[in-house]
């Protein structure tokens, strides 16, 4: 990919239900790669890549600061299991919008514990239900 210079900065703001601007010669809209659209109801930002709007990516530390987190610990020695669920603030526990991981810590007296981190069905997608976290398959 070659670097493109953006002649001027285009920034749009609206709701997720609003139609994002597109290149349309009939209404004289000319989007440049790098234009941004911010959804005020979801806090998602999109970037125009010259062809389509793509969700702007963030580092994991930025993402975690914006999610509600649920924890459940089971402390059955020598194995401790912690379930960590993340979803947008205000998400219901029964909505399929959670990213859930299972952290298993097995204690070995005199040695460092073994720690395993697994995701629901091996995926870090936001598609699980928190209420069912203990019954999922983790890998």
C-alpha atoms as a PDB file:
ATOM      1  CA  UNK A   1       0.000   0.000   0.000  1.00  0.00           C
ATOM      2  CA  UNK A   2       1.255   3.463  -0.742  1.00  0.00           C
ATOM      3  CA  UNK A   3       0.811   6.424   1.581  1.00  0.00           C
ATOM      4  CA  UNK A   4      -1.814   8.908   0.424  1.00  0.00           C
ATOM      5  CA  UNK A   5      -1.896  12.549   1.411  1.00  0.00           C
ATOM      6  CA  UNK A   6      -5.290  13.722   2.631  1.00  0.00           C
ATOM      7  CA  UNK A   7      -5.848  17.224   1.290  1.00  0.00           C
ATOM      8  CA  UNK A   8      -8.278  18.191   4.038  1.00  0.00           C
ATOM      9  CA  UNK A   9      -9.728  16.397   7.007  1.00  0.00           C
ATOM     10  CA  UNK A  10     -13.343  15.203   6.785  1.00  0.00           C
ATOM     11  CA  UNK A  11     -15.163  14.334   9.957  1.00  0.00           C
ATOM     12  CA  UNK A  12     -18.804  13.329  10.226  1.00  0.00           C
ATOM     13  CA  UNK A  13     -20.973  12.658  13.258  1.00  0.00           C
ATOM     14  CA  UNK A  14     -24.342  10.927  13.596  1.00  0.00           C
ATOM     15  CA  UNK A  15     -26.229   7.931  14.920  1.00  0.00           C
ATOM     16  CA  UNK A  16     -25.535   4.307  14.013  1.00  0.00           C
ATOM     17  CA  UNK A  17     -28.916   4.261  12.233  1.00  0.00           C
ATOM     18  CA  UNK A  18     -27.919   7.219  10.022  1.00  0.00           C
ATOM     19  CA  UNK A  19     -26.676   6.514   6.501  1.00  0.00           C
ATOM     20  CA  UNK A  20     -22.976   7.298   6.319  1.00  0.00           C
ATOM     21  CA  UNK A  21     -21.866   9.564   3.461  1.00  0.00           C
ATOM     22  CA  UNK A  22     -20.809   7.807   0.276  1.00  0.00           C
ATOM     23  CA  UNK A  23     -19.154   8.967  -2.915  1.00  0.00           C
ATOM     24  CA  UNK A  24     -22.043  10.311  -4.965  1.00  0.00           C
ATOM     25  CA  UNK A  25     -21.238  12.586  -7.902  1.00  0.00           C
ATOM     26  CA  UNK A  26     -24.891  13.702  -8.201  1.00  0.00           C
ATOM     27  CA  UNK A  27     -24.758  15.448  -4.816  1.00  0.00           C
ATOM     28  CA  UNK A  28     -21.108  16.471  -5.111  1.00  0.00           C
ATOM     29  CA  UNK A  29     -19.810  14.423  -2.176  1.00  0.00           C
ATOM     30  CA  UNK A  30     -16.178  13.536  -2.576  1.00  0.00           C
ATOM     31  CA  UNK A  31     -14.862  11.431   0.295  1.00  0.00           C
ATOM     32  CA  UNK A  32     -11.124  11.132   0.706  1.00  0.00           C
ATOM     33  CA  UNK A  33      -9.467   8.090   2.263  1.00  0.00           C
ATOM     34  CA  UNK A  34      -9.095   8.843   5.967  1.00  0.00           C
ATOM     35  CA  UNK A  35     -12.463  10.574   6.410  1.00  0.00           C
ATOM     36  CA  UNK A  36     -14.076   9.612   9.737  1.00  0.00           C
ATOM     37  CA  UNK A  37     -17.633   8.990  10.912  1.00  0.00           C
ATOM     38  CA  UNK A  38     -18.361   8.942  14.664  1.00  0.00           C
ATOM     39  CA  UNK A  39     -21.549   7.282  15.960  1.00  0.00           C
ATOM     40  CA  UNK A  40     -22.719   9.152  19.042  1.00  0.00           C
ATOM     41  CA  UNK A  41     -24.949   6.320  20.273  1.00  0.00           C
ATOM     42  CA  UNK A  42     -22.347   3.523  20.033  1.00  0.00           C
ATOM     43  CA  UNK A  43     -19.057   5.458  20.381  1.00  0.00           C
ATOM     44  CA  UNK A  44     -17.832   3.603  17.287  1.00  0.00           C
ATOM     45  CA  UNK A  45     -15.628   5.412  14.793  1.00  0.00           C
ATOM     46  CA  UNK A  46     -15.366   4.442  11.137  1.00  0.00           C
ATOM     47  CA  UNK A  47     -12.727   5.364   8.578  1.00  0.00           C
ATOM     48  CA  UNK A  48     -13.371   5.675   4.821  1.00  0.00           C
ATOM     49  CA  UNK A  49     -10.748   3.603   2.993  1.00  0.00           C
ATOM     50  CA  UNK A  50     -11.627   4.909  -0.462  1.00  0.00           C
ATOM     51  CA  UNK A  51     -14.187   2.164  -1.074  1.00  0.00           C
ATOM     52  CA  UNK A  52     -16.115   1.557   2.158  1.00  0.00           C
ATOM     53  CA  UNK A  53     -16.459   2.563   5.813  1.00  0.00           C
ATOM     54  CA  UNK A  54     -14.341   0.331   8.110  1.00  0.00           C
ATOM     55  CA  UNK A  55     -14.633   0.180  11.887  1.00  0.00           C
ATOM     56  CA  UNK A  56     -11.647   1.975  13.370  1.00  0.00           C
ATOM     57  CA  UNK A  57      -9.510  -0.377  15.426  1.00  0.00           C
ATOM     58  CA  UNK A  58      -8.214   0.396  18.881  1.00  0.00           C
ATOM     59  CA  UNK A  59      -5.571  -1.101  21.101  1.00  0.00           C
ATOM     60  CA  UNK A  60      -6.776  -3.576  23.721  1.00  0.00           C
ATOM     61  CA  UNK A  61      -6.059  -1.116  26.546  1.00  0.00           C
ATOM     62  CA  UNK A  62      -8.353   1.453  24.945  1.00  0.00           C
ATOM     63  CA  UNK A  63     -11.102  -1.109  24.390  1.00  0.00           C
ATOM     64  CA  UNK A  64     -11.056  -2.532  27.909  1.00  0.00           C
ATOM     65  CA  UNK A  65     -11.469   0.939  29.382  1.00  0.00           C
ATOM     66  CA  UNK A  66     -14.845   1.220  27.633  1.00  0.00           C
ATOM     67  CA  UNK A  67     -16.464  -2.096  28.547  1.00  0.00           C
ATOM     68  CA  UNK A  68     -18.478  -3.244  31.509  1.00  0.00           C
ATOM     69  CA  UNK A  69     -16.821  -6.231  33.135  1.00  0.00           C
ATOM     70  CA  UNK A  70     -18.388  -9.148  35.037  1.00  0.00           C
ATOM     71  CA  UNK A  71     -16.293 -11.537  37.123  1.00  0.00           C
ATOM     72  CA  UNK A  72     -17.032 -14.820  38.832  1.00  0.00           C
ATOM     73  CA  UNK A  73     -14.443 -16.697  40.832  1.00  0.00           C
ATOM     74  CA  UNK A  74     -14.571 -20.296  41.950  1.00  0.00           C
ATOM     75  CA  UNK A  75     -11.946 -21.038  44.546  1.00  0.00           C
ATOM     76  CA  UNK A  76     -11.854 -24.802  44.805  1.00  0.00           C
ATOM     77  CA  UNK A  77      -8.251 -25.519  45.780  1.00  0.00           C
ATOM     78  CA  UNK A  78      -5.988 -26.450  44.166  1.00  0.00           C
ATOM     79  CA  UNK A  79      -7.748 -25.064  41.067  1.00  0.00           C
ATOM     80  CA  UNK A  80      -9.212 -21.564  40.873  1.00  0.00           C
ATOM     81  CA  UNK A  81     -11.377 -20.573  37.891  1.00  0.00           C
ATOM     82  CA  UNK A  82     -12.203 -16.968  37.037  1.00  0.00           C
ATOM     83  CA  UNK A  83     -14.701 -16.094  34.326  1.00  0.00           C
ATOM     84  CA  UNK A  84     -14.254 -12.627  32.804  1.00  0.00           C
ATOM     85  CA  UNK A  85     -17.040 -11.182  30.680  1.00  0.00           C
ATOM     86  CA  UNK A  86     -16.856  -7.923  28.757  1.00  0.00           C
ATOM     87  CA  UNK A  87     -19.647  -6.041  26.967  1.00  0.00           C
ATOM     88  CA  UNK A  88     -20.701  -2.479  26.299  1.00  0.00           C
ATOM     89  CA  UNK A  89     -21.951  -0.664  29.417  1.00  0.00           C
ATOM     90  CA  UNK A  90     -25.664  -1.212  29.910  1.00  0.00           C
ATOM     91  CA  UNK A  91     -25.684  -4.639  28.258  1.00  0.00           C
ATOM     92  CA  UNK A  92     -28.028  -7.140  29.879  1.00  0.00           C
ATOM     93  CA  UNK A  93     -26.569 -10.387  31.225  1.00  0.00           C
ATOM     94  CA  UNK A  94     -28.935 -12.325  28.922  1.00  0.00           C
ATOM     95  CA  UNK A  95     -27.973 -10.501  25.718  1.00  0.00           C
ATOM     96  CA  UNK A  96     -25.625 -12.291  23.262  1.00  0.00           C
ATOM     97  CA  UNK A  97     -23.120  -9.409  23.336  1.00  0.00           C
ATOM     98  CA  UNK A  98     -20.511 -10.681  25.774  1.00  0.00           C
ATOM     99  CA  UNK A  99     -16.879 -11.663  25.177  1.00  0.00           C
ATOM    100  CA  UNK A 100     -16.087 -14.254  27.835  1.00  0.00           C
ATOM    101  CA  UNK A 101     -12.815 -15.854  28.834  1.00  0.00           C
ATOM    102  CA  UNK A 102     -12.047 -18.484  31.433  1.00  0.00           C
ATOM    103  CA  UNK A 103      -8.841 -18.225  33.434  1.00  0.00           C
ATOM    104  CA  UNK A 104      -7.831 -21.448  35.186  1.00  0.00           C
ATOM    105  CA  UNK A 105      -5.131 -21.279  37.849  1.00  0.00           C
ATOM    106  CA  UNK A 106      -3.846 -24.542  39.272  1.00  0.00           C
ATOM    107  CA  UNK A 107      -1.729 -24.209  42.394  1.00  0.00           C
ATOM    108  CA  UNK A 108       1.331 -26.355  42.936  1.00  0.00           C
ATOM    109  CA  UNK A 109       2.757 -25.943  46.453  1.00  0.00           C
ATOM    110  CA  UNK A 110       6.357 -24.792  46.185  1.00  0.00           C
ATOM    111  CA  UNK A 111       6.005 -24.042  42.452  1.00  0.00           C
ATOM    112  CA  UNK A 112       4.485 -21.303  40.340  1.00  0.00           C
ATOM    113  CA  UNK A 113       0.852 -21.957  39.449  1.00  0.00           C
ATOM    114  CA  UNK A 114      -0.191 -23.081  35.973  1.00  0.00           C
ATOM    115  CA  UNK A 115      -2.418 -20.473  34.333  1.00  0.00           C
ATOM    116  CA  UNK A 116      -4.564 -21.156  31.272  1.00  0.00           C
ATOM    117  CA  UNK A 117      -6.682 -18.554  29.431  1.00  0.00           C
ATOM    118  CA  UNK A 118      -9.444 -19.859  27.157  1.00  0.00           C
ATOM    119  CA  UNK A 119     -12.307 -18.213  25.238  1.00  0.00           C
ATOM    120  CA  UNK A 120     -15.869 -19.388  24.617  1.00  0.00           C
ATOM    121  CA  UNK A 121     -15.575 -21.785  21.659  1.00  0.00           C
ATOM    122  CA  UNK A 122     -12.020 -20.507  21.140  1.00  0.00           C
ATOM    123  CA  UNK A 123     -13.260 -17.083  19.986  1.00  0.00           C
ATOM    124  CA  UNK A 124     -12.934 -13.607  21.470  1.00  0.00           C
ATOM    125  CA  UNK A 125     -16.071 -12.425  19.613  1.00  0.00           C
ATOM    126  CA  UNK A 126     -18.764 -10.464  21.464  1.00  0.00           C
ATOM    127  CA  UNK A 127     -21.477 -13.096  20.840  1.00  0.00           C
ATOM    128  CA  UNK A 128     -21.951 -14.946  24.141  1.00  0.00           C
ATOM    129  CA  UNK A 129     -24.502 -14.622  26.957  1.00  0.00           C
ATOM    130  CA  UNK A 130     -23.075 -13.897  30.405  1.00  0.00           C
ATOM    131  CA  UNK A 131     -25.844 -15.861  32.148  1.00  0.00           C
ATOM    132  CA  UNK A 132     -24.565 -19.022  30.427  1.00  0.00           C
ATOM    133  CA  UNK A 133     -20.843 -18.507  31.035  1.00  0.00           C
ATOM    134  CA  UNK A 134     -20.310 -21.603  33.173  1.00  0.00           C
ATOM    135  CA  UNK A 135     -21.945 -23.925  30.620  1.00  0.00           C
ATOM    136  CA  UNK A 136     -19.931 -22.904  27.553  1.00  0.00           C
ATOM    137  CA  UNK A 137     -17.109 -24.914  26.019  1.00  0.00           C
ATOM    138  CA  UNK A 138     -13.782 -23.078  26.318  1.00  0.00           C
ATOM    139  CA  UNK A 139     -10.680 -23.558  24.235  1.00  0.00           C
END
